[in-house]
PDB file of N, CA and C in Angstrom:
ATOM      1  N   MET A   1      34.894  -9.800 -11.814  1.00  0.00           N
ATOM      2  CA  MET A   1      35.297  -8.823 -10.824  1.00  0.00           C
ATOM      3  C   MET A   1      34.708  -7.451 -11.135  1.00  0.00           C
ATOM      4  N   THR A   2      34.752  -7.055 -12.411  1.00  0.00           N
ATOM      5  CA  THR A   2      34.220  -5.758 -12.813  1.00  0.00           C
ATOM      6  C   THR A   2      32.711  -5.706 -12.622  1.00  0.00           C
ATOM      7  N   ASP A   3      32.034  -6.823 -12.926  1.00  0.00           N
ATOM      8  CA  ASP A   3      30.587  -6.871 -12.732  1.00  0.00           C
ATOM      9  C   ASP A   3      30.219  -6.679 -11.270  1.00  0.00           C
ATOM     10  N   ASN A   4      31.011  -7.289 -10.383  1.00  0.00           N
ATOM     11  CA  ASN A   4      30.753  -7.168  -8.951  1.00  0.00           C
ATOM     12  C   ASN A   4      30.909  -5.718  -8.490  1.00  0.00           C
ATOM     13  N   ILE A   5      31.918  -5.025  -8.991  1.00  0.00           N
ATOM     14  CA  ILE A   5      32.146  -3.621  -8.631  1.00  0.00           C
ATOM     15  C   ILE A   5      31.020  -2.753  -9.172  1.00  0.00           C
ATOM     16  N   ASN A   6      30.607  -3.001 -10.427  1.00  0.00           N
ATOM     17  CA  ASN A   6      29.516  -2.230 -11.017  1.00  0.00           C
ATOM     18  C   ASN A   6      28.209  -2.463 -10.259  1.00  0.00           C
ATOM     19  N   THR A   7      27.944  -3.702  -9.894  1.00  0.00           N
ATOM     20  CA  THR A   7      26.735  -4.027  -9.156  1.00  0.00           C
ATOM     21  C   THR A   7      26.762  -3.371  -7.785  1.00  0.00           C
ATOM     22  N   ASN A   8      27.910  -3.427  -7.116  1.00  0.00           N
ATOM     23  CA  ASN A   8      28.044  -2.835  -5.794  1.00  0.00           C
ATOM     24  C   ASN A   8      27.872  -1.315  -5.865  1.00  0.00           C
ATOM     25  N   SER A   9      28.466  -0.676  -6.860  1.00  0.00           N
ATOM     26  CA  SER A   9      28.334   0.772  -6.993  1.00  0.00           C
ATOM     27  C   SER A   9      26.901   1.156  -7.364  1.00  0.00           C
ATOM     28  N   PHE A  10      26.230   0.347  -8.181  1.00  0.00           N
ATOM     29  CA  PHE A  10      24.829   0.597  -8.523  1.00  0.00           C
ATOM     30  C   PHE A  10      23.949   0.489  -7.280  1.00  0.00           C
ATOM     31  N   GLN A  11      24.206  -0.519  -6.457  1.00  0.00           N
ATOM     32  CA  GLN A  11      23.427  -0.708  -5.229  1.00  0.00           C
ATOM     33  C   GLN A  11      23.647   0.447  -4.259  1.00  0.00           C
ATOM     34  N   LYS A  12      24.885   0.922  -4.141  1.00  0.00           N
ATOM     35  CA  LYS A  12      25.169   2.064  -3.266  1.00  0.00           C
ATOM     36  C   LYS A  12      24.438   3.307  -3.751  1.00  0.00           C
ATOM     37  N   GLN A  13      24.428   3.538  -5.064  1.00  0.00           N
ATOM     38  CA  GLN A  13      23.733   4.695  -5.626  1.00  0.00           C
ATOM     39  C   GLN A  13      22.231   4.576  -5.392  1.00  0.00           C
ATOM     40  N   LYS A  14      21.707   3.386  -5.582  1.00  0.00           N
ATOM     41  CA  LYS A  14      20.284   3.159  -5.363  1.00  0.00           C
ATOM     42  C   LYS A  14      19.913   3.396  -3.896  1.00  0.00           C
ATOM     43  N   ASN A  15      20.730   2.899  -2.977  1.00  0.00           N
ATOM     44  CA  ASN A  15      20.480   3.108  -1.547  1.00  0.00           C
ATOM     45  C   ASN A  15      20.573   4.580  -1.182  1.00  0.00           C
ATOM     46  N   LYS A  16      21.515   5.292  -1.787  1.00  0.00           N
ATOM     47  CA  LYS A  16      21.668   6.725  -1.525  1.00  0.00           C
ATOM     48  C   LYS A  16      20.430   7.492  -1.988  1.00  0.00           C
ATOM     49  N   GLU A  17      19.925   7.174  -3.164  1.00  0.00           N
ATOM     50  CA  GLU A  17      18.723   7.831  -3.678  1.00  0.00           C
ATOM     51  C   GLU A  17      17.510   7.503  -2.814  1.00  0.00           C
ATOM     52  N   GLU A  18      17.404   6.264  -2.372  1.00  0.00           N
ATOM     53  CA  GLU A  18      16.290   5.865  -1.504  1.00  0.00           C
ATOM     54  C   GLU A  18      16.338   6.621  -0.178  1.00  0.00           C
ATOM     55  N   MET A  19      17.519   6.746   0.397  1.00  0.00           N
ATOM     56  CA  MET A  19      17.669   7.478   1.657  1.00  0.00           C
ATOM     57  C   MET A  19      17.315   8.951   1.465  1.00  0.00           C
ATOM     58  N   LYS A  20      17.700   9.515   0.333  1.00  0.00           N
ATOM     59  CA  LYS A  20      17.368  10.917   0.041  1.00  0.00           C
ATOM     60  C   LYS A  20      15.853  11.097  -0.032  1.00  0.00           C
ATOM     61  N   LYS A  21      15.167  10.187  -0.721  1.00  0.00           N
ATOM     62  CA  LYS A  21      13.709  10.267  -0.829  1.00  0.00           C
ATOM     63  C   LYS A  21      13.045  10.128   0.540  1.00  0.00           C
ATOM     64  N   GLN A  22      13.548   9.213   1.366  1.00  0.00           N
ATOM     65  CA  GLN A  22      12.969   9.028   2.692  1.00  0.00           C
ATOM     66  C   GLN A  22      13.205  10.255   3.564  1.00  0.00           C
ATOM     67  N   LEU A  23      14.359  10.866   3.453  1.00  0.00           N
ATOM     68  CA  LEU A  23      14.647  12.055   4.244  1.00  0.00           C
ATOM     69  C   LEU A  23      13.751  13.223   3.822  1.00  0.00           C
ATOM     70  N   ILE A  24      13.574  13.413   2.527  1.00  0.00           N
ATOM     71  CA  ILE A  24      12.689  14.476   2.035  1.00  0.00           C
ATOM     72  C   ILE A  24      11.264  14.230   2.515  1.00  0.00           C
ATOM     73  N   THR A  25      10.805  12.989   2.431  1.00  0.00           N
ATOM     74  CA  THR A  25       9.460  12.649   2.887  1.00  0.00           C
ATOM     75  C   THR A  25       9.313  12.900   4.381  1.00  0.00           C
ATOM     76  N   PHE A  26      10.325  12.535   5.154  1.00  0.00           N
ATOM     77  CA  PHE A  26      10.286  12.750   6.594  1.00  0.00           C
ATOM     78  C   PHE A  26      10.182  14.242   6.918  1.00  0.00           C
ATOM     79  N   VAL A  27      10.975  15.066   6.233  1.00  0.00           N
ATOM     80  CA  VAL A  27      10.937  16.511   6.459  1.00  0.00           C
ATOM     81  C   VAL A  27       9.563  17.069   6.084  1.00  0.00           C
ATOM     82  N   LEU A  28       8.990  16.603   4.980  1.00  0.00           N
ATOM     83  CA  LEU A  28       7.648  17.048   4.590  1.00  0.00           C
ATOM     84  C   LEU A  28       6.609  16.670   5.640  1.00  0.00           C
ATOM     85  N   MET A  29       6.709  15.465   6.183  1.00  0.00           N
ATOM     86  CA  MET A  29       5.742  15.029   7.194  1.00  0.00           C
ATOM     87  C   MET A  29       5.891  15.852   8.472  1.00  0.00           C
ATOM     88  N   ILE A  30       7.108  16.165   8.866  1.00  0.00           N
ATOM     89  CA  ILE A  30       7.321  17.024  10.031  1.00  0.00           C
ATOM     90  C   ILE A  30       6.738  18.411   9.755  1.00  0.00           C
ATOM     91  N   GLY A  31       6.958  18.925   8.552  1.00  0.00           N
ATOM     92  CA  GLY A  31       6.390  20.226   8.170  1.00  0.00           C
ATOM     93  C   GLY A  31       4.873  20.217   8.228  1.00  0.00           C
ATOM     94  N   PHE A  32       4.249  19.168   7.697  1.00  0.00           N
ATOM     95  CA  PHE A  32       2.787  19.054   7.769  1.00  0.00           C
ATOM     96  C   PHE A  32       2.306  19.032   9.224  1.00  0.00           C
ATOM     97  N   THR A  33       3.025  18.306  10.070  1.00  0.00           N
ATOM     98  CA  THR A  33       2.640  18.204  11.477  1.00  0.00           C
ATOM     99  C   THR A  33       2.754  19.561  12.167  1.00  0.00           C
ATOM    100  N   ILE A  34       3.842  20.259  11.941  1.00  0.00           N
ATOM    101  CA  ILE A  34       4.010  21.588  12.551  1.00  0.00           C
ATOM    102  C   ILE A  34       2.937  22.542  12.041  1.00  0.00           C
ATOM    103  N   PHE A  35       2.649  22.488  10.741  1.00  0.00           N
ATOM    104  CA  PHE A  35       1.607  23.342  10.164  1.00  0.00           C
ATOM    105  C   PHE A  35       0.240  23.023  10.773  1.00  0.00           C
ATOM    106  N   ALA A  36      -0.046  21.735  10.963  1.00  0.00           N
ATOM    107  CA  ALA A  36      -1.327  21.346  11.560  1.00  0.00           C
ATOM    108  C   ALA A  36      -1.424  21.841  13.003  1.00  0.00           C
ATOM    109  N   PHE A  37      -0.352  21.677  13.773  1.00  0.00           N
ATOM    110  CA  PHE A  37      -0.356  22.195  15.143  1.00  0.00           C
ATOM    111  C   PHE A  37      -0.544  23.712  15.151  1.00  0.00           C
ATOM    112  N   ALA A  38       0.090  24.408  14.227  1.00  0.00           N
ATOM    113  CA  ALA A  38      -0.041  25.865  14.158  1.00  0.00           C
ATOM    114  C   ALA A  38      -1.482  26.269  13.843  1.00  0.00           C
ATOM    115  N   ILE A  39      -2.119  25.548  12.932  1.00  0.00           N
ATOM    116  CA  ILE A  39      -3.516  25.847  12.591  1.00  0.00           C
ATOM    117  C   ILE A  39      -4.409  25.712  13.817  1.00  0.00           C
ATOM    118  N   VAL A  40      -4.221  24.637  14.563  1.00  0.00           N
ATOM    119  CA  VAL A  40      -5.066  24.380  15.726  1.00  0.00           C
ATOM    120  C   VAL A  40      -4.728  25.342  16.871  1.00  0.00           C
ATOM    121  N   ALA A  41      -3.443  25.575  17.105  1.00  0.00           N
ATOM    122  CA  ALA A  41      -3.031  26.396  18.247  1.00  0.00           C
ATOM    123  C   ALA A  41      -3.401  27.869  18.090  1.00  0.00           C
ATOM    124  N   THR A  42      -3.338  28.378  16.866  1.00  0.00           N
ATOM    125  CA  THR A  42      -3.586  29.808  16.665  1.00  0.00           C
ATOM    126  C   THR A  42      -5.041  30.144  16.367  1.00  0.00           C
ATOM    127  N   ASN A  43      -5.845  29.143  16.042  1.00  0.00           N
ATOM    128  CA  ASN A  43      -7.239  29.394  15.644  1.00  0.00           C
ATOM    129  C   ASN A  43      -7.308  30.419  14.514  1.00  0.00           C
ATOM    130  N   ALA A  44      -6.336  30.384  13.613  1.00  0.00           N
ATOM    131  CA  ALA A  44      -6.231  31.366  12.545  1.00  0.00           C
ATOM    132  C   ALA A  44      -7.265  31.147  11.443  1.00  0.00           C
ATOM    133  N   MET A  45      -7.789  29.931  11.340  1.00  0.00           N
ATOM    134  CA  MET A  45      -8.721  29.615  10.257  1.00  0.00           C
ATOM    135  C   MET A  45     -10.088  29.251  10.817  1.00  0.00           C
ATOM    136  N   ASP A  46     -11.087  29.456   9.992  1.00  0.00           N
ATOM    137  CA  ASP A  46     -12.434  29.029  10.341  1.00  0.00           C
ATOM    138  C   ASP A  46     -12.470  27.499  10.384  1.00  0.00           C
ATOM    139  N   LYS A  47     -13.270  26.951  11.272  1.00  0.00           N
ATOM    140  CA  LYS A  47     -13.334  25.493  11.409  1.00  0.00           C
ATOM    141  C   LYS A  47     -13.796  24.809  10.136  1.00  0.00           C
ATOM    142  N   MET A  48     -14.655  25.458   9.377  1.00  0.00           N
ATOM    143  CA  MET A  48     -15.159  24.863   8.135  1.00  0.00           C
ATOM    144  C   MET A  48     -14.044  24.698   7.101  1.00  0.00           C
ATOM    145  N   PHE A  49     -12.983  25.470   7.216  1.00  0.00           N
ATOM    146  CA  PHE A  49     -11.846  25.336   6.320  1.00  0.00           C
ATOM    147  C   PHE A  49     -10.727  24.515   6.958  1.00  0.00           C
ATOM    148  N   ALA A  50     -10.532  24.689   8.263  1.00  0.00           N
ATOM    149  CA  ALA A  50      -9.412  24.043   8.958  1.00  0.00           C
ATOM    150  C   ALA A  50      -9.584  22.524   9.034  1.00  0.00           C
ATOM    151  N   ILE A  51     -10.771  22.057   9.347  1.00  0.00           N
ATOM    152  CA  ILE A  51     -10.983  20.614   9.517  1.00  0.00           C
ATOM    153  C   ILE A  51     -10.727  19.842   8.218  1.00  0.00           C
ATOM    154  N   PRO A  52     -11.311  20.244   7.081  1.00  0.00           N
ATOM    155  CA  PRO A  52     -10.975  19.514   5.844  1.00  0.00           C
ATOM    156  C   PRO A  52      -9.492  19.597   5.483  1.00  0.00           C
ATOM    157  N   LEU A  53      -8.858  20.755   5.734  1.00  0.00           N
ATOM    158  CA  LEU A  53      -7.434  20.895   5.453  1.00  0.00           C
ATOM    159  C   LEU A  53      -6.616  19.935   6.314  1.00  0.00           C
ATOM    160  N   LEU A  54      -6.960  19.832   7.588  1.00  0.00           N
ATOM    161  CA  LEU A  54      -6.262  18.906   8.482  1.00  0.00           C
ATOM    162  C   LEU A  54      -6.465  17.456   8.048  1.00  0.00           C
ATOM    163  N   LEU A  55      -7.668  17.113   7.624  1.00  0.00           N
ATOM    164  CA  LEU A  55      -7.932  15.748   7.167  1.00  0.00           C
ATOM    165  C   LEU A  55      -7.155  15.418   5.894  1.00  0.00           C
ATOM    166  N   ILE A  56      -7.076  16.365   4.983  1.00  0.00           N
ATOM    167  CA  ILE A  56      -6.315  16.150   3.750  1.00  0.00           C
ATOM    168  C   ILE A  56      -4.831  15.967   4.063  1.00  0.00           C
ATOM    169  N   MET A  57      -4.308  16.806   4.954  1.00  0.00           N
ATOM    170  CA  MET A  57      -2.893  16.670   5.330  1.00  0.00           C
ATOM    171  C   MET A  57      -2.642  15.339   6.027  1.00  0.00           C
ATOM    172  N   ALA A  58      -3.601  14.875   6.816  1.00  0.00           N
ATOM    173  CA  ALA A  58      -3.449  13.576   7.480  1.00  0.00           C
ATOM    174  C   ALA A  58      -3.439  12.447   6.448  1.00  0.00           C
ATOM    175  N   LEU A  59      -4.296  12.529   5.445  1.00  0.00           N
ATOM    176  CA  LEU A  59      -4.311  11.502   4.397  1.00  0.00           C
ATOM    177  C   LEU A  59      -3.012  11.495   3.599  1.00  0.00           C
ATOM    178  N   VAL A  60      -2.462  12.669   3.343  1.00  0.00           N
ATOM    179  CA  VAL A  60      -1.173  12.744   2.637  1.00  0.00           C
ATOM    180  C   VAL A  60      -0.088  12.077   3.477  1.00  0.00           C
ATOM    181  N   GLN A  61      -0.112  12.321   4.790  1.00  0.00           N
ATOM    182  CA  GLN A  61       0.885  11.692   5.654  1.00  0.00           C
ATOM    183  C   GLN A  61       0.717  10.179   5.703  1.00  0.00           C
ATOM    184  N   VAL A  62      -0.501   9.704   5.702  1.00  0.00           N
ATOM    185  CA  VAL A  62      -0.727   8.254   5.675  1.00  0.00           C
ATOM    186  C   VAL A  62      -0.185   7.672   4.376  1.00  0.00           C
ATOM    187  N   GLY A  63      -0.414   8.364   3.270  1.00  0.00           N
ATOM    188  CA  GLY A  63       0.138   7.921   1.983  1.00  0.00           C
ATOM    189  C   GLY A  63       1.658   7.855   2.004  1.00  0.00           C
ATOM    190  N   PHE A  64       2.291   8.895   2.558  1.00  0.00           N
ATOM    191  CA  PHE A  64       3.750   8.887   2.694  1.00  0.00           C
ATOM    192  C   PHE A  64       4.210   7.704   3.543  1.00  0.00           C
ATOM    193  N   GLN A  65       3.505   7.461   4.641  1.00  0.00           N
ATOM    194  CA  GLN A  65       3.876   6.345   5.521  1.00  0.00           C
ATOM    195  C   GLN A  65       3.812   5.026   4.765  1.00  0.00           C
ATOM    196  N   PHE A  66       2.712   4.792   4.076  1.00  0.00           N
ATOM    197  CA  PHE A  66       2.566   3.536   3.336  1.00  0.00           C
ATOM    198  C   PHE A  66       3.619   3.422   2.240  1.00  0.00           C
ATOM    199  N   TYR A  67       3.734   4.469   1.439  1.00  0.00           N
ATOM    200  CA  TYR A  67       4.550   4.378   0.236  1.00  0.00           C
ATOM    201  C   TYR A  67       6.038   4.319   0.544  1.00  0.00           C
ATOM    202  N   TYR A  68       6.506   5.169   1.431  1.00  0.00           N
ATOM    203  CA  TYR A  68       7.942   5.239   1.669  1.00  0.00           C
ATOM    204  C   TYR A  68       8.411   4.426   2.869  1.00  0.00           C
ATOM    205  N   PHE A  69       7.760   4.590   4.010  1.00  0.00           N
ATOM    206  CA  PHE A  69       8.298   3.999   5.223  1.00  0.00           C
ATOM    207  C   PHE A  69       7.854   2.558   5.438  1.00  0.00           C
ATOM    208  N   MET A  70       6.758   2.153   4.818  1.00  0.00           N
ATOM    209  CA  MET A  70       6.356   0.747   4.886  1.00  0.00           C
ATOM    210  C   MET A  70       6.748   0.020   3.607  1.00  0.00           C
ATOM    211  N   HIS A  71       7.459   0.717   2.719  1.00  0.00           N
ATOM    212  CA  HIS A  71       8.018   0.145   1.492  1.00  0.00           C
ATOM    213  C   HIS A  71       6.961  -0.504   0.602  1.00  0.00           C
ATOM    214  N   MET A  72       5.799   0.100   0.516  1.00  0.00           N
ATOM    215  CA  MET A  72       4.737  -0.460  -0.311  1.00  0.00           C
ATOM    216  C   MET A  72       5.053  -0.337  -1.798  1.00  0.00           C
ATOM    217  N   LYS A  73       6.009   0.485  -2.152  1.00  0.00           N
ATOM    218  CA  LYS A  73       6.378   0.661  -3.552  1.00  0.00           C
ATOM    219  C   LYS A  73       7.353  -0.408  -4.028  1.00  0.00           C
ATOM    220  N   ASP A  74       7.949  -1.138  -3.097  1.00  0.00           N
ATOM    221  CA  ASP A  74       8.970  -2.118  -3.448  1.00  0.00           C
ATOM    222  C   ASP A  74       8.363  -3.423  -3.941  1.00  0.00           C
ATOM    223  N   LYS A  75       9.135  -4.128  -4.768  1.00  0.00           N
ATOM    224  CA  LYS A  75       8.696  -5.438  -5.244  1.00  0.00           C
ATOM    225  C   LYS A  75       8.717  -6.432  -4.094  1.00  0.00           C
ATOM    226  N   GLY A  76       7.812  -7.389  -4.139  1.00  0.00           N
ATOM    227  CA  GLY A  76       7.740  -8.403  -3.096  1.00  0.00           C
ATOM    228  C   GLY A  76       6.803  -8.025  -1.962  1.00  0.00           C
ATOM    229  N   HIS A  77       6.152  -6.870  -2.073  1.00  0.00           N
ATOM    230  CA  HIS A  77       5.234  -6.428  -1.027  1.00  0.00           C
ATOM    231  C   HIS A  77       3.800  -6.390  -1.556  1.00  0.00           C
ATOM    232  N   GLU A  78       3.505  -7.229  -2.522  1.00  0.00           N
ATOM    233  CA  GLU A  78       2.178  -7.206  -3.121  1.00  0.00           C
ATOM    234  C   GLU A  78       1.112  -7.697  -2.156  1.00  0.00           C
ATOM    235  N   PHE A  79       1.382  -8.784  -1.427  1.00  0.00           N
ATOM    236  CA  PHE A  79       0.380  -9.329  -0.513  1.00  0.00           C
ATOM    237  C   PHE A  79       0.073  -8.360   0.625  1.00  0.00           C
ATOM    238  N   PRO A  80       1.086  -7.794   1.309  1.00  0.00           N
ATOM    239  CA  PRO A  80       0.757  -6.793   2.329  1.00  0.00           C
ATOM    240  C   PRO A  80       0.028  -5.583   1.745  1.00  0.00           C
ATOM    241  N   SER A  81       0.379  -5.197   0.523  1.00  0.00           N
ATOM    242  CA  SER A  81      -0.304  -4.073  -0.122  1.00  0.00           C
ATOM    243  C   SER A  81      -1.785  -4.378  -0.310  1.00  0.00           C
ATOM    244  N   VAL A  82      -2.080  -5.569  -0.817  1.00  0.00           N
ATOM    245  CA  VAL A  82      -3.473  -5.963  -1.035  1.00  0.00           C
ATOM    246  C   VAL A  82      -4.232  -5.981   0.290  1.00  0.00           C
ATOM    247  N   MET A  83      -3.602  -6.497   1.339  1.00  0.00           N
ATOM    248  CA  MET A  83      -4.273  -6.568   2.635  1.00  0.00           C
ATOM    249  C   MET A  83      -4.529  -5.173   3.216  1.00  0.00           C
ATOM    250  N   ILE A  84      -3.551  -4.285   3.115  1.00  0.00           N
ATOM    251  CA  ILE A  84      -3.723  -2.934   3.651  1.00  0.00           C
ATOM    252  C   ILE A  84      -4.768  -2.171   2.844  1.00  0.00           C
ATOM    253  N   TYR A  85      -4.675  -2.226   1.523  1.00  0.00           N
ATOM    254  CA  TYR A  85      -5.656  -1.519   0.702  1.00  0.00           C
ATOM    255  C   TYR A  85      -7.051  -2.119   0.871  1.00  0.00           C
ATOM    256  N   GLY A  86      -7.130  -3.421   1.073  1.00  0.00           N
ATOM    257  CA  GLY A  86      -8.416  -4.054   1.367  1.00  0.00           C
ATOM    258  C   GLY A  86      -8.987  -3.566   2.692  1.00  0.00           C
ATOM    259  N   GLY A  87      -8.121  -3.418   3.696  1.00  0.00           N
ATOM    260  CA  GLY A  87      -8.564  -2.887   4.990  1.00  0.00           C
ATOM    261  C   GLY A  87      -9.031  -1.446   4.883  1.00  0.00           C
ATOM    262  N   VAL A  88      -8.318  -0.642   4.096  1.00  0.00           N
ATOM    263  CA  VAL A  88      -8.727   0.749   3.881  1.00  0.00           C
ATOM    264  C   VAL A  88     -10.074   0.785   3.170  1.00  0.00           C
ATOM    265  N   PHE A  89     -10.242  -0.069   2.171  1.00  0.00           N
ATOM    266  CA  PHE A  89     -11.518  -0.128   1.457  1.00  0.00           C
ATOM    267  C   PHE A  89     -12.656  -0.541   2.395  1.00  0.00           C
ATOM    268  N   ALA A  90     -12.420  -1.547   3.235  1.00  0.00           N
ATOM    269  CA  ALA A  90     -13.449  -1.993   4.181  1.00  0.00           C
ATOM    270  C   ALA A  90     -13.782  -0.886   5.175  1.00  0.00           C
ATOM    271  N   ALA A  91     -12.779  -0.150   5.639  1.00  0.00           N
ATOM    272  CA  ALA A  91     -13.022   0.959   6.568  1.00  0.00           C
ATOM    273  C   ALA A  91     -13.842   2.051   5.898  1.00  0.00           C
ATOM    274  N   MET A  92     -13.509   2.386   4.656  1.00  0.00           N
ATOM    275  CA  MET A  92     -14.261   3.419   3.929  1.00  0.00           C
ATOM    276  C   MET A  92     -15.703   2.979   3.691  1.00  0.00           C
ATOM    277  N   LEU A  93     -15.868   1.713   3.353  1.00  0.00           N
ATOM    278  CA  LEU A  93     -17.208   1.180   3.139  1.00  0.00           C
ATOM    279  C   LEU A  93     -18.027   1.224   4.431  1.00  0.00           C
ATOM    280  N   THR A  94     -17.399   0.887   5.544  1.00  0.00           N
ATOM    281  CA  THR A  94     -18.076   0.926   6.842  1.00  0.00           C
ATOM    282  C   THR A  94     -18.468   2.352   7.206  1.00  0.00           C
ATOM    283  N   ILE A  95     -17.555   3.284   7.006  1.00  0.00           N
ATOM    284  CA  ILE A  95     -17.854   4.692   7.311  1.00  0.00           C
ATOM    285  C   ILE A  95     -18.981   5.197   6.426  1.00  0.00           C
ATOM    286  N   ALA A  96     -18.946   4.856   5.141  1.00  0.00           N
ATOM    287  CA  ALA A  96     -20.013   5.277   4.229  1.00  0.00           C
ATOM    288  C   ALA A  96     -21.353   4.694   4.657  1.00  0.00           C
ATOM    289  N   ALA A  97     -21.362   3.433   5.071  1.00  0.00           N
ATOM    290  CA  ALA A  97     -22.608   2.807   5.514  1.00  0.00           C
ATOM    291  C   ALA A  97     -23.127   3.482   6.789  1.00  0.00           C
ATOM    292  N   LEU A  98     -22.249   3.763   7.725  1.00  0.00           N
ATOM    293  CA  LEU A  98     -22.684   4.417   8.966  1.00  0.00           C
ATOM    294  C   LEU A  98     -23.200   5.845   8.701  1.00  0.00           C
ATOM    295  N   VAL A  99     -22.538   6.555   7.817  1.00  0.00           N
ATOM    296  CA  VAL A  99     -23.008   7.895   7.465  1.00  0.00           C
ATOM    297  C   VAL A  99     -24.370   7.816   6.794  1.00  0.00           C
ATOM    298  N   ALA A 100     -24.535   6.841   5.913  1.00  0.00           N
ATOM    299  CA  ALA A 100     -25.834   6.675   5.225  1.00  0.00           C
ATOM    300  C   ALA A 100     -26.929   6.330   6.233  1.00  0.00           C
ATOM    301  N   ILE A 101     -26.627   5.497   7.212  1.00  0.00           N
ATOM    302  CA  ILE A 101     -27.632   5.126   8.217  1.00  0.00           C
ATOM    303  C   ILE A 101     -28.013   6.326   9.076  1.00  0.00           C
ATOM    304  N   VAL A 102     -27.025   7.124   9.472  1.00  0.00           N
ATOM    305  CA  VAL A 102     -27.295   8.280  10.307  1.00  0.00           C
ATOM    306  C   VAL A 102     -28.114   9.324   9.550  1.00  0.00           C
ATOM    307  N   TRP A 103     -27.817   9.536   8.279  1.00  0.00           N
ATOM    308  CA  TRP A 103     -28.508  10.557   7.514  1.00  0.00           C
ATOM    309  C   TRP A 103     -29.826  10.095   6.921  1.00  0.00           C
ATOM    310  N   TRP A 104     -30.088   8.800   6.962  1.00  0.00           N
ATOM    311  CA  TRP A 104     -31.294   8.261   6.312  1.00  0.00           C
ATOM    312  C   TRP A 104     -32.491   8.779   6.982  1.00  0.00           C
TER     313      TRP A 104
END
C-alpha cells in the first residue's frame, strides 16, 4: 500500500514538472514568434542581420517542438526519432547539393 502511494505521488510530481517545462517552452515559443513578427513589421533591422536571426529563432522553435511537444526526449520514441532525424539529414543534404549545383 505504501509503495503504491509513493509511486503515485512520484508520478504526480513528475507530471507536474513535465507540465511546467512544457508551459515554459510554450511561453518561449510565443515570445520568439512575437519578436519575429516585431522584427518584420517594424523593419528595425537590416535584412542581412534580420534574416539569419529569424532563421535561427525558427530552428530553435523546431527543436522545442521536437524535444518537448513531440516527446522526442522520452523513452520508447527511438524509432520516430531516427526517422525524423534521418529526414532532417536528407533535407539538409538535398539543400546542400542544390546550393552546390547553383553555385558551381
